[in-house]
Amino acid sequence: MTFIIKPLVTEKMTKITDKTSQDRTYRVKSKKGEERTKKATPVYGFIVKPEANKLEIKKEIEGLYNVTVTDVNTIRYAGKRSARYTRAGLVKGQKNAFKKALVTLKEGDTIDFYSNIQ
């Protein structure tokens, strides 16, 4: 059973992926003024089915993209209600609820969503 609906390729998610894909150097407060480097662990986002759990998401990402997943964070979003006035009167509805998964990969691994576009 497939749990991944689609990858998140938005401006916000692309900015997060680019930010986490770079090695960071930061200073540690000490007498010596040491500098340490934090290795890059890229984060990618996916829209998944609401009934999917973290282990199922991890297994499916590793199988589809041939990468090693170190961490999976999930966020549930409720469906938002909407109403609009039309010529026929008041039309009420609700958008679908969905679940977002933020997947952290092992350093050095990447996912290219555009590799199979012709």
PDB file of N, CA and C in Angstrom:
ATOM      1  N   MET A   1       0.841  -1.182   0.000  1.00  0.00           N
ATOM      2  CA  MET A   1       0.000   0.000   0.000  1.00  0.00           C
ATOM      3  C   MET A   1       0.881   1.239   0.000  1.00  0.00           C
ATOM      4  N   THR A   2       0.578   2.153  -0.871  1.00  0.00           N
ATOM      5  CA  THR A   2       1.385   3.361  -0.981  1.00  0.00           C
ATOM      6  C   THR A   2       0.824   4.445  -0.054  1.00  0.00           C
ATOM      7  N   PHE A   3       1.694   5.050   0.724  1.00  0.00           N
ATOM      8  CA  PHE A   3       1.279   6.061   1.686  1.00  0.00           C
ATOM      9  C   PHE A   3       1.642   7.467   1.236  1.00  0.00           C
ATOM     10  N   ILE A   4       2.609   7.609   0.332  1.00  0.00           N
ATOM     11  CA  ILE A   4       3.038   8.925  -0.121  1.00  0.00           C
ATOM     12  C   ILE A   4       2.103   9.397  -1.228  1.00  0.00           C
ATOM     13  N   ILE A   5       1.538  10.581  -1.070  1.00  0.00           N
ATOM     14  CA  ILE A   5       0.667  11.145  -2.100  1.00  0.00           C
ATOM     15  C   ILE A   5       1.487  11.941  -3.101  1.00  0.00           C
ATOM     16  N   LYS A   6       2.311  12.883  -2.600  1.00  0.00           N
ATOM     17  CA  LYS A   6       3.162  13.675  -3.487  1.00  0.00           C
ATOM     18  C   LYS A   6       4.255  14.358  -2.673  1.00  0.00           C
ATOM     19  N   PRO A   7       5.374  14.676  -3.319  1.00  0.00           N
ATOM     20  CA  PRO A   7       6.407  15.447  -2.617  1.00  0.00           C
ATOM     21  C   PRO A   7       6.013  16.919  -2.551  1.00  0.00           C
ATOM     22  N   LEU A   8       6.476  17.599  -1.528  1.00  0.00           N
ATOM     23  CA  LEU A   8       6.220  19.035  -1.394  1.00  0.00           C
ATOM     24  C   LEU A   8       7.308  19.792  -2.134  1.00  0.00           C
ATOM     25  N   VAL A   9       6.930  20.451  -3.197  1.00  0.00           N
ATOM     26  CA  VAL A   9       7.880  21.245  -3.969  1.00  0.00           C
ATOM     27  C   VAL A   9       7.338  22.667  -4.011  1.00  0.00           C
ATOM     28  N   THR A  10       7.387  23.336  -2.857  1.00  0.00           N
ATOM     29  CA  THR A  10       6.941  24.717  -2.746  1.00  0.00           C
ATOM     30  C   THR A  10       8.160  25.587  -2.460  1.00  0.00           C
ATOM     31  N   GLU A  11       7.972  26.896  -2.525  1.00  0.00           N
ATOM     32  CA  GLU A  11       9.088  27.800  -2.247  1.00  0.00           C
ATOM     33  C   GLU A  11       9.582  27.629  -0.815  1.00  0.00           C
ATOM     34  N   LYS A  12       8.655  27.503   0.122  1.00  0.00           N
ATOM     35  CA  LYS A  12       9.032  27.376   1.527  1.00  0.00           C
ATOM     36  C   LYS A  12       9.809  26.085   1.784  1.00  0.00           C
ATOM     37  N   MET A  13       9.315  24.962   1.239  1.00  0.00           N
ATOM     38  CA  MET A  13       9.988  23.674   1.460  1.00  0.00           C
ATOM     39  C   MET A  13      11.336  23.639   0.746  1.00  0.00           C
ATOM     40  N   THR A  14      11.435  24.234  -0.430  1.00  0.00           N
ATOM     41  CA  THR A  14      12.710  24.292  -1.145  1.00  0.00           C
ATOM     42  C   THR A  14      13.734  25.110  -0.362  1.00  0.00           C
ATOM     43  N   LYS A  15      13.277  26.187   0.268  1.00  0.00           N
ATOM     44  CA  LYS A  15      14.174  27.010   1.085  1.00  0.00           C
ATOM     45  C   LYS A  15      14.678  26.226   2.298  1.00  0.00           C
ATOM     46  N   ILE A  16      13.800  25.443   2.929  1.00  0.00           N
ATOM     47  CA  ILE A  16      14.192  24.618   4.075  1.00  0.00           C
ATOM     48  C   ILE A  16      15.188  23.547   3.637  1.00  0.00           C
ATOM     49  N   THR A  17      14.937  22.917   2.481  1.00  0.00           N
ATOM     50  CA  THR A  17      15.838  21.880   1.976  1.00  0.00           C
ATOM     51  C   THR A  17      17.209  22.464   1.661  1.00  0.00           C
ATOM     52  N   ASP A  18      17.246  23.627   1.012  1.00  0.00           N
ATOM     53  CA  ASP A  18      18.525  24.266   0.691  1.00  0.00           C
ATOM     54  C   ASP A  18      19.279  24.666   1.957  1.00  0.00           C
ATOM     55  N   LYS A  19      18.564  25.158   2.958  1.00  0.00           N
ATOM     56  CA  LYS A  19      19.193  25.594   4.201  1.00  0.00           C
ATOM     57  C   LYS A  19      19.809  24.416   4.959  1.00  0.00           C
ATOM     58  N   THR A  20      19.119  23.268   4.951  1.00  0.00           N
ATOM     59  CA  THR A  20      19.623  22.111   5.690  1.00  0.00           C
ATOM     60  C   THR A  20      20.641  21.299   4.898  1.00  0.00           C
ATOM     61  N   SER A  21      20.823  21.601   3.613  1.00  0.00           N
ATOM     62  CA  SER A  21      21.750  20.837   2.785  1.00  0.00           C
ATOM     63  C   SER A  21      23.159  21.414   2.797  1.00  0.00           C
ATOM     64  N   GLN A  22      23.400  22.474   3.570  1.00  0.00           N
ATOM     65  CA  GLN A  22      24.714  23.107   3.622  1.00  0.00           C
ATOM     66  C   GLN A  22      25.363  22.841   4.972  1.00  0.00           C
ATOM     67  N   ASP A  23      26.696  22.593   4.949  1.00  0.00           N
ATOM     68  CA  ASP A  23      27.445  22.453   6.198  1.00  0.00           C
ATOM     69  C   ASP A  23      27.470  23.802   6.908  1.00  0.00           C
ATOM     70  N   ARG A  24      27.314  23.785   8.216  1.00  0.00           N
ATOM     71  CA  ARG A  24      27.293  25.019   8.999  1.00  0.00           C
ATOM     72  C   ARG A  24      28.494  25.059   9.930  1.00  0.00           C
ATOM     73  N   THR A  25      29.113  26.234  10.041  1.00  0.00           N
ATOM     74  CA  THR A  25      30.193  26.456  10.985  1.00  0.00           C
ATOM     75  C   THR A  25      29.699  27.443  12.032  1.00  0.00           C
ATOM     76  N   TYR A  26      29.870  27.107  13.302  1.00  0.00           N
ATOM     77  CA  TYR A  26      29.415  27.991  14.365  1.00  0.00           C
ATOM     78  C   TYR A  26      30.451  28.008  15.472  1.00  0.00           C
ATOM     79  N   ARG A  27      30.429  29.093  16.239  1.00  0.00           N
ATOM     80  CA  ARG A  27      31.383  29.243  17.329  1.00  0.00           C
ATOM     81  C   ARG A  27      30.773  28.756  18.627  1.00  0.00           C
ATOM     82  N   VAL A  28      31.626  28.154  19.448  1.00  0.00           N
ATOM     83  CA  VAL A  28      31.209  27.661  20.748  1.00  0.00           C
ATOM     84  C   VAL A  28      31.792  28.599  21.794  1.00  0.00           C
ATOM     85  N   LYS A  29      30.967  29.029  22.735  1.00  0.00           N
ATOM     86  CA  LYS A  29      31.446  29.932  23.776  1.00  0.00           C
ATOM     87  C   LYS A  29      32.361  29.170  24.721  1.00  0.00           C
ATOM     88  N   SER A  30      33.623  29.489  24.660  1.00  0.00           N
ATOM     89  CA  SER A  30      34.602  28.904  25.565  1.00  0.00           C
ATOM     90  C   SER A  30      35.799  29.844  25.614  1.00  0.00           C
ATOM     91  N   LYS A  31      36.775  29.490  26.420  1.00  0.00           N
ATOM     92  CA  LYS A  31      37.953  30.343  26.549  1.00  0.00           C
ATOM     93  C   LYS A  31      38.801  30.321  25.286  1.00  0.00           C
ATOM     94  N   LYS A  32      38.764  29.221  24.560  1.00  0.00           N
ATOM     95  CA  LYS A  32      39.592  29.083  23.367  1.00  0.00           C
ATOM     96  C   LYS A  32      38.927  29.662  22.124  1.00  0.00           C
ATOM     97  N   GLY A  33      37.630  29.893  22.145  1.00  0.00           N
ATOM     98  CA  GLY A  33      36.923  30.401  20.968  1.00  0.00           C
ATOM     99  C   GLY A  33      36.860  29.362  19.858  1.00  0.00           C
ATOM    100  N   GLU A  34      36.484  28.153  20.189  1.00  0.00           N
ATOM    101  CA  GLU A  34      36.469  27.047  19.228  1.00  0.00           C
ATOM    102  C   GLU A  34      35.394  27.254  18.166  1.00  0.00           C
ATOM    103  N   GLU A  35      35.661  26.669  17.004  1.00  0.00           N
ATOM    104  CA  GLU A  35      34.670  26.641  15.941  1.00  0.00           C
ATOM    105  C   GLU A  35      34.370  25.193  15.605  1.00  0.00           C
ATOM    106  N   ARG A  36      33.112  24.890  15.455  1.00  0.00           N
ATOM    107  CA  ARG A  36      32.703  23.542  15.092  1.00  0.00           C
ATOM    108  C   ARG A  36      31.897  23.589  13.805  1.00  0.00           C
ATOM    109  N   THR A  37      31.895  22.467  13.114  1.00  0.00           N
ATOM    110  CA  THR A  37      31.140  22.365  11.874  1.00  0.00           C
ATOM    111  C   THR A  37      30.041  21.333  12.045  1.00  0.00           C
ATOM    112  N   LYS A  38      28.833  21.725  11.685  1.00  0.00           N
ATOM    113  CA  LYS A  38      27.705  20.812  11.730  1.00  0.00           C
ATOM    114  C   LYS A  38      27.497  20.261  10.325  1.00  0.00           C
ATOM    115  N   LYS A  39      27.463  18.953  10.218  1.00  0.00           N
ATOM    116  CA  LYS A  39      27.300  18.304   8.915  1.00  0.00           C
ATOM    117  C   LYS A  39      25.887  18.517   8.388  1.00  0.00           C
ATOM    118  N   ALA A  40      25.766  18.533   7.074  1.00  0.00           N
ATOM    119  CA  ALA A  40      24.480  18.758   6.425  1.00  0.00           C
ATOM    120  C   ALA A  40      23.633  17.485   6.454  1.00  0.00           C
ATOM    121  N   THR A  41      22.423  17.615   6.957  1.00  0.00           N
ATOM    122  CA  THR A  41      21.441  16.531   6.909  1.00  0.00           C
ATOM    123  C   THR A  41      20.190  17.095   6.242  1.00  0.00           C
ATOM    124  N   PRO A  42      20.028  16.863   4.950  1.00  0.00           N
ATOM    125  CA  PRO A  42      18.925  17.497   4.215  1.00  0.00           C
ATOM    126  C   PRO A  42      17.548  17.027   4.675  1.00  0.00           C
ATOM    127  N   VAL A  43      16.583  17.939   4.629  1.00  0.00           N
ATOM    128  CA  VAL A  43      15.201  17.673   5.021  1.00  0.00           C
ATOM    129  C   VAL A  43      14.308  17.858   3.796  1.00  0.00           C
ATOM    130  N   TYR A  44      13.436  16.887   3.542  1.00  0.00           N
ATOM    131  CA  TYR A  44      12.503  16.944   2.424  1.00  0.00           C
ATOM    132  C   TYR A  44      11.092  16.765   2.955  1.00  0.00           C
ATOM    133  N   GLY A  45      10.113  17.359   2.273  1.00  0.00           N
ATOM    134  CA  GLY A  45       8.723  17.281   2.705  1.00  0.00           C
ATOM    135  C   GLY A  45       7.869  16.473   1.748  1.00  0.00           C
ATOM    136  N   PHE A  46       6.902  15.768   2.295  1.00  0.00           N
ATOM    137  CA  PHE A  46       5.972  14.956   1.516  1.00  0.00           C
ATOM    138  C   PHE A  46       4.565  15.092   2.095  1.00  0.00           C
ATOM    139  N   ILE A  47       3.562  15.055   1.221  1.00  0.00           N
ATOM    140  CA  ILE A  47       2.179  14.924   1.656  1.00  0.00           C
ATOM    141  C   ILE A  47       1.888  13.423   1.692  1.00  0.00           C
ATOM    142  N   VAL A  48       1.420  12.931   2.835  1.00  0.00           N
ATOM    143  CA  VAL A  48       1.166  11.502   3.001  1.00  0.00           C
ATOM    144  C   VAL A  48      -0.282  11.296   3.442  1.00  0.00           C
ATOM    145  N   LYS A  49      -0.734  10.055   3.387  1.00  0.00           N
ATOM    146  CA  LYS A  49      -2.087   9.734   3.831  1.00  0.00           C
ATOM    147  C   LYS A  49      -2.177   9.885   5.350  1.00  0.00           C
ATOM    148  N   PRO A  50      -3.316  10.346   5.869  1.00  0.00           N
ATOM    149  CA  PRO A  50      -3.432  10.570   7.320  1.00  0.00           C
ATOM    150  C   PRO A  50      -3.259   9.319   8.171  1.00  0.00           C
ATOM    151  N   GLU A  51      -3.509   8.135   7.622  1.00  0.00           N
ATOM    152  CA  GLU A  51      -3.382   6.917   8.431  1.00  0.00           C
ATOM    153  C   GLU A  51      -1.958   6.355   8.444  1.00  0.00           C
ATOM    154  N   ALA A  52      -1.036   6.962   7.709  1.00  0.00           N
ATOM    155  CA  ALA A  52       0.351   6.472   7.651  1.00  0.00           C
ATOM    156  C   ALA A  52       1.091   6.818   8.940  1.00  0.00           C
ATOM    157  N   ASN A  53       1.924   5.875   9.405  1.00  0.00           N
ATOM    158  CA  ASN A  53       2.750   6.170  10.571  1.00  0.00           C
ATOM    159  C   ASN A  53       4.202   6.372  10.127  1.00  0.00           C
ATOM    160  N   LYS A  54       5.058   6.743  11.072  1.00  0.00           N
ATOM    161  CA  LYS A  54       6.432   7.121  10.736  1.00  0.00           C
ATOM    162  C   LYS A  54       7.240   5.959  10.160  1.00  0.00           C
ATOM    163  N   LEU A  55       7.050   4.763  10.685  1.00  0.00           N
ATOM    164  CA  LEU A  55       7.799   3.606  10.190  1.00  0.00           C
ATOM    165  C   LEU A  55       7.416   3.265   8.747  1.00  0.00           C
ATOM    166  N   GLU A  56       6.139   3.348   8.432  1.00  0.00           N
ATOM    167  CA  GLU A  56       5.687   3.080   7.061  1.00  0.00           C
ATOM    168  C   GLU A  56       6.205   4.136   6.091  1.00  0.00           C
ATOM    169  N   ILE A  57       6.195   5.396   6.520  1.00  0.00           N
ATOM    170  CA  ILE A  57       6.709   6.477   5.675  1.00  0.00           C
ATOM    171  C   ILE A  57       8.198   6.281   5.428  1.00  0.00           C
ATOM    172  N   LYS A  58       8.952   5.959   6.477  1.00  0.00           N
ATOM    173  CA  LYS A  58      10.396   5.740   6.355  1.00  0.00           C
ATOM    174  C   LYS A  58      10.697   4.606   5.380  1.00  0.00           C
ATOM    175  N   LYS A  59      10.002   3.483   5.518  1.00  0.00           N
ATOM    176  CA  LYS A  59      10.231   2.320   4.660  1.00  0.00           C
ATOM    177  C   LYS A  59       9.926   2.642   3.195  1.00  0.00           C
ATOM    178  N   GLU A  60       8.850   3.398   2.957  1.00  0.00           N
ATOM    179  CA  GLU A  60       8.477   3.713   1.578  1.00  0.00           C
ATOM    180  C   GLU A  60       9.443   4.709   0.921  1.00  0.00           C
ATOM    181  N   ILE A  61       9.900   5.709   1.671  1.00  0.00           N
ATOM    182  CA  ILE A  61      10.870   6.683   1.136  1.00  0.00           C
ATOM    183  C   ILE A  61      12.177   5.976   0.792  1.00  0.00           C
ATOM    184  N   GLU A  62      12.641   5.106   1.672  1.00  0.00           N
ATOM    185  CA  GLU A  62      13.886   4.375   1.407  1.00  0.00           C
ATOM    186  C   GLU A  62      13.742   3.467   0.194  1.00  0.00           C
ATOM    187  N   GLY A  63      12.579   2.878  -0.002  1.00  0.00           N
ATOM    188  CA  GLY A  63      12.367   2.006  -1.150  1.00  0.00           C
ATOM    189  C   GLY A  63      12.246   2.764  -2.463  1.00  0.00           C
ATOM    190  N   LEU A  64      11.568   3.920  -2.439  1.00  0.00           N
ATOM    191  CA  LEU A  64      11.348   4.683  -3.674  1.00  0.00           C
ATOM    192  C   LEU A  64      12.602   5.413  -4.156  1.00  0.00           C
ATOM    193  N   TYR A  65      13.330   6.041  -3.236  1.00  0.00           N
ATOM    194  CA  TYR A  65      14.428   6.932  -3.618  1.00  0.00           C
ATOM    195  C   TYR A  65      15.817   6.380  -3.336  1.00  0.00           C
ATOM    196  N   ASN A  66      15.930   5.190  -2.777  1.00  0.00           N
ATOM    197  CA  ASN A  66      17.223   4.564  -2.471  1.00  0.00           C
ATOM    198  C   ASN A  66      18.111   5.466  -1.614  1.00  0.00           C
ATOM    199  N   VAL A  67      17.564   5.968  -0.517  1.00  0.00           N
ATOM    200  CA  VAL A  67      18.293   6.809   0.431  1.00  0.00           C
ATOM    201  C   VAL A  67      18.130   6.212   1.827  1.00  0.00           C
ATOM    202  N   THR A  68      18.900   6.723   2.783  1.00  0.00           N
ATOM    203  CA  THR A  68      18.787   6.296   4.168  1.00  0.00           C
ATOM    204  C   THR A  68      18.117   7.396   4.974  1.00  0.00           C
ATOM    205  N   VAL A  69      16.976   7.101   5.560  1.00  0.00           N
ATOM    206  CA  VAL A  69      16.218   8.066   6.350  1.00  0.00           C
ATOM    207  C   VAL A  69      16.638   7.946   7.810  1.00  0.00           C
ATOM    208  N   THR A  70      16.996   9.084   8.422  1.00  0.00           N
ATOM    209  CA  THR A  70      17.393   9.078   9.827  1.00  0.00           C
ATOM    210  C   THR A  70      16.268   9.528  10.742  1.00  0.00           C
ATOM    211  N   ASP A  71      15.356  10.369  10.251  1.00  0.00           N
ATOM    212  CA  ASP A  71      14.315  10.903  11.121  1.00  0.00           C
ATOM    213  C   ASP A  71      13.084  11.251  10.296  1.00  0.00           C
ATOM    214  N   VAL A  72      11.904  11.055  10.869  1.00  0.00           N
ATOM    215  CA  VAL A  72      10.641  11.419  10.228  1.00  0.00           C
ATOM    216  C   VAL A  72       9.810  12.199  11.234  1.00  0.00           C
ATOM    217  N   ASN A  73       9.412  13.408  10.867  1.00  0.00           N
ATOM    218  CA  ASN A  73       8.505  14.213  11.686  1.00  0.00           C
ATOM    219  C   ASN A  73       7.200  14.356  10.920  1.00  0.00           C
ATOM    220  N   THR A  74       6.075  14.193  11.605  1.00  0.00           N
ATOM    221  CA  THR A  74       4.785  14.294  10.944  1.00  0.00           C
ATOM    222  C   THR A  74       3.952  15.412  11.549  1.00  0.00           C
ATOM    223  N   ILE A  75       3.129  16.036  10.707  1.00  0.00           N
ATOM    224  CA  ILE A  75       2.247  17.119  11.112  1.00  0.00           C
ATOM    225  C   ILE A  75       0.883  16.847  10.515  1.00  0.00           C
ATOM    226  N   ARG A  76      -0.157  16.903  11.329  1.00  0.00           N
ATOM    227  CA  ARG A  76      -1.527  16.704  10.846  1.00  0.00           C
ATOM    228  C   ARG A  76      -2.197  18.056  10.687  1.00  0.00           C
ATOM    229  N   TYR A  77      -2.873  18.235   9.557  1.00  0.00           N
ATOM    230  CA  TYR A  77      -3.617  19.453   9.283  1.00  0.00           C
ATOM    231  C   TYR A  77      -5.101  19.114   9.175  1.00  0.00           C
ATOM    232  N   ALA A  78      -5.939  19.881   9.864  1.00  0.00           N
ATOM    233  CA  ALA A  78      -7.373  19.668   9.802  1.00  0.00           C
ATOM    234  C   ALA A  78      -7.927  20.320   8.538  1.00  0.00           C
ATOM    235  N   GLY A  79      -9.039  19.801   8.046  1.00  0.00           N
ATOM    236  CA  GLY A  79      -9.686  20.401   6.891  1.00  0.00           C
ATOM    237  C   GLY A  79     -10.326  21.724   7.274  1.00  0.00           C
ATOM    238  N   LYS A  80     -10.120  22.748   6.460  1.00  0.00           N
ATOM    239  CA  LYS A  80     -10.655  24.068   6.770  1.00  0.00           C
ATOM    240  C   LYS A  80     -12.054  24.224   6.170  1.00  0.00           C
ATOM    241  N   ARG A  81     -12.925  24.863   6.917  1.00  0.00           N
ATOM    242  CA  ARG A  81     -14.277  25.123   6.436  1.00  0.00           C
ATOM    243  C   ARG A  81     -14.272  26.390   5.590  1.00  0.00           C
ATOM    244  N   SER A  82     -15.104  26.401   4.566  1.00  0.00           N
ATOM    245  CA  SER A  82     -15.208  27.581   3.720  1.00  0.00           C
ATOM    246  C   SER A  82     -16.665  27.772   3.331  1.00  0.00           C
ATOM    247  N   ALA A  83     -17.033  29.028   3.137  1.00  0.00           N
ATOM    248  CA  ALA A  83     -18.387  29.364   2.696  1.00  0.00           C
ATOM    249  C   ALA A  83     -18.280  30.538   1.740  1.00  0.00           C
ATOM    250  N   ARG A  84     -19.129  30.538   0.735  1.00  0.00           N
ATOM    251  CA  ARG A  84     -19.124  31.658  -0.212  1.00  0.00           C
ATOM    252  C   ARG A  84     -20.558  31.922  -0.654  1.00  0.00           C
ATOM    253  N   TYR A  85     -20.799  33.161  -0.986  1.00  0.00           N
ATOM    254  CA  TYR A  85     -22.113  33.561  -1.457  1.00  0.00           C
ATOM    255  C   TYR A  85     -22.125  33.496  -2.974  1.00  0.00           C
ATOM    256  N   THR A  86     -23.089  32.813  -3.524  1.00  0.00           N
ATOM    257  CA  THR A  86     -23.238  32.708  -4.979  1.00  0.00           C
ATOM    258  C   THR A  86     -24.649  33.117  -5.355  1.00  0.00           C
ATOM    259  N   ARG A  87     -24.904  33.060  -6.626  1.00  0.00           N
ATOM    260  CA  ARG A  87     -26.233  33.402  -7.115  1.00  0.00           C
ATOM    261  C   ARG A  87     -27.279  32.416  -6.573  1.00  0.00           C
ATOM    262  N   ALA A  88     -26.856  31.186  -6.356  1.00  0.00           N
ATOM    263  CA  ALA A  88     -27.763  30.165  -5.842  1.00  0.00           C
ATOM    264  C   ALA A  88     -27.920  30.241  -4.321  1.00  0.00           C
ATOM    265  N   GLY A  89     -27.190  31.094  -3.664  1.00  0.00           N
ATOM    266  CA  GLY A  89     -27.277  31.220  -2.215  1.00  0.00           C
ATOM    267  C   GLY A  89     -25.950  30.899  -1.553  1.00  0.00           C
ATOM    268  N   LEU A  90     -25.993  30.624  -0.280  1.00  0.00           N
ATOM    269  CA  LEU A  90     -24.792  30.337   0.489  1.00  0.00           C
ATOM    270  C   LEU A  90     -24.355  28.895   0.237  1.00  0.00           C
ATOM    271  N   VAL A  91     -23.099  28.721  -0.199  1.00  0.00           N
ATOM    272  CA  VAL A  91     -22.545  27.396  -0.458  1.00  0.00           C
ATOM    273  C   VAL A  91     -21.473  27.132   0.601  1.00  0.00           C
ATOM    274  N   LYS A  92     -21.674  26.072   1.381  1.00  0.00           N
ATOM    275  CA  LYS A  92     -20.727  25.718   2.433  1.00  0.00           C
ATOM    276  C   LYS A  92     -19.989  24.451   2.030  1.00  0.00           C
ATOM    277  N   GLY A  93     -18.746  24.348   2.468  1.00  0.00           N
ATOM    278  CA  GLY A  93     -17.959  23.163   2.166  1.00  0.00           C
ATOM    279  C   GLY A  93     -16.788  23.049   3.111  1.00  0.00           C
ATOM    280  N   GLN A  94     -15.998  22.012   2.901  1.00  0.00           N
ATOM    281  CA  GLN A  94     -14.824  21.799   3.734  1.00  0.00           C
ATOM    282  C   GLN A  94     -13.716  21.192   2.889  1.00  0.00           C
ATOM    283  N   LYS A  95     -12.503  21.686   3.080  1.00  0.00           N
ATOM    284  CA  LYS A  95     -11.352  21.121   2.392  1.00  0.00           C
ATOM    285  C   LYS A  95     -10.902  19.856   3.111  1.00  0.00           C
ATOM    286  N   ASN A  96     -10.189  19.002   2.402  1.00  0.00           N
ATOM    287  CA  ASN A  96      -9.757  17.729   2.967  1.00  0.00           C
ATOM    288  C   ASN A  96      -8.659  17.915   4.008  1.00  0.00           C
ATOM    289  N   ALA A  97      -8.665  17.057   5.014  1.00  0.00           N
ATOM    290  CA  ALA A  97      -7.580  17.003   5.982  1.00  0.00           C
ATOM    291  C   ALA A  97      -6.411  16.247   5.340  1.00  0.00           C
ATOM    292  N   PHE A  98      -5.181  16.598   5.728  1.00  0.00           N
ATOM    293  CA  PHE A  98      -4.024  15.906   5.183  1.00  0.00           C
ATOM    294  C   PHE A  98      -2.922  15.845   6.227  1.00  0.00           C
ATOM    295  N   LYS A  99      -1.899  15.084   5.908  1.00  0.00           N
ATOM    296  CA  LYS A  99      -0.762  14.907   6.804  1.00  0.00           C
ATOM    297  C   LYS A  99       0.512  15.203   6.037  1.00  0.00           C
ATOM    298  N   LYS A 100       1.412  15.939   6.673  1.00  0.00           N
ATOM    299  CA  LYS A 100       2.687  16.289   6.065  1.00  0.00           C
ATOM    300  C   LYS A 100       3.799  15.565   6.810  1.00  0.00           C
ATOM    301  N   ALA A 101       4.785  15.044   6.069  1.00  0.00           N
ATOM    302  CA  ALA A 101       5.917  14.362   6.689  1.00  0.00           C
ATOM    303  C   ALA A 101       7.200  15.087   6.285  1.00  0.00           C
ATOM    304  N   LEU A 102       8.011  15.462   7.272  1.00  0.00           N
ATOM    305  CA  LEU A 102       9.331  16.042   7.027  1.00  0.00           C
ATOM    306  C   LEU A 102      10.354  14.946   7.282  1.00  0.00           C
ATOM    307  N   VAL A 103      11.096  14.595   6.234  1.00  0.00           N
ATOM    308  CA  VAL A 103      12.010  13.460   6.268  1.00  0.00           C
ATOM    309  C   VAL A 103      13.447  13.964   6.272  1.00  0.00           C
ATOM    310  N   THR A 104      14.227  13.567   7.277  1.00  0.00           N
ATOM    311  CA  THR A 104      15.645  13.919   7.363  1.00  0.00           C
ATOM    312  C   THR A 104      16.457  12.736   6.857  1.00  0.00           C
ATOM    313  N   LEU A 105      17.376  13.022   5.923  1.00  0.00           N
ATOM    314  CA  LEU A 105      18.199  11.971   5.334  1.00  0.00           C
ATOM    315  C   LEU A 105      19.579  11.939   5.973  1.00  0.00           C
ATOM    316  N   LYS A 106      20.281  10.838   5.735  1.00  0.00           N
ATOM    317  CA  LYS A 106      21.665  10.707   6.186  1.00  0.00           C
ATOM    318  C   LYS A 106      22.514  11.705   5.404  1.00  0.00           C
ATOM    319  N   GLU A 107      23.552  12.222   6.025  1.00  0.00           N
ATOM    320  CA  GLU A 107      24.398  13.207   5.350  1.00  0.00           C
ATOM    321  C   GLU A 107      24.998  12.613   4.073  1.00  0.00           C
ATOM    322  N   GLY A 108      24.947  13.396   3.016  1.00  0.00           N
ATOM    323  CA  GLY A 108      25.455  12.951   1.722  1.00  0.00           C
ATOM    324  C   GLY A 108      24.364  12.436   0.801  1.00  0.00           C
ATOM    325  N   ASP A 109      23.214  12.031   1.336  1.00  0.00           N
ATOM    326  CA  ASP A 109      22.104  11.560   0.502  1.00  0.00           C
ATOM    327  C   ASP A 109      21.263  12.739   0.031  1.00  0.00           C
ATOM    328  N   THR A 110      20.769  12.657  -1.201  1.00  0.00           N
ATOM    329  CA  THR A 110      19.872  13.677  -1.734  1.00  0.00           C
ATOM    330  C   THR A 110      18.767  13.000  -2.535  1.00  0.00           C
ATOM    331  N   ILE A 111      17.676  13.737  -2.713  1.00  0.00           N
ATOM    332  CA  ILE A 111      16.569  13.278  -3.550  1.00  0.00           C
ATOM    333  C   ILE A 111      16.399  14.305  -4.660  1.00  0.00           C
ATOM    334  N   ASP A 112      16.369  13.841  -5.906  1.00  0.00           N
ATOM    335  CA  ASP A 112      16.151  14.728  -7.047  1.00  0.00           C
ATOM    336  C   ASP A 112      14.762  14.446  -7.603  1.00  0.00           C
ATOM    337  N   PHE A 113      13.815  15.361  -7.343  1.00  0.00           N
ATOM    338  CA  PHE A 113      12.447  15.172  -7.795  1.00  0.00           C
ATOM    339  C   PHE A 113      12.299  15.378  -9.303  1.00  0.00           C
ATOM    340  N   TYR A 114      13.244  16.062  -9.936  1.00  0.00           N
ATOM    341  CA  TYR A 114      13.125  16.422 -11.340  1.00  0.00           C
ATOM    342  C   TYR A 114      13.935  15.503 -12.264  1.00  0.00           C
ATOM    343  N   SER A 115      14.457  14.392 -11.765  1.00  0.00           N
ATOM    344  CA  SER A 115      15.335  13.556 -12.570  1.00  0.00           C
ATOM    345  C   SER A 115      14.617  12.816 -13.693  1.00  0.00           C
ATOM    346  N   ASN A 116      13.320  12.477 -13.497  1.00  0.00           N
ATOM    347  CA  ASN A 116      12.636  11.689 -14.502  1.00  0.00           C
ATOM    348  C   ASN A 116      11.711  12.515 -15.391  1.00  0.00           C
ATOM    349  N   ILE A 117      11.823  13.831 -15.369  1.00  0.00           N
ATOM    350  CA  ILE A 117      11.016  14.685 -16.242  1.00  0.00           C
ATOM    351  C   ILE A 117      11.695  14.795 -17.590  1.00  0.00           C
ATOM    352  N   GLN A 118      10.897  14.634 -18.645  1.00  0.00           N
ATOM    353  CA  GLN A 118      11.488  14.668 -19.992  1.00  0.00           C
ATOM    354  C   GLN A 118      11.147  15.927 -20.713  1.00  0.00           C
TER     355      GLN A 118
END
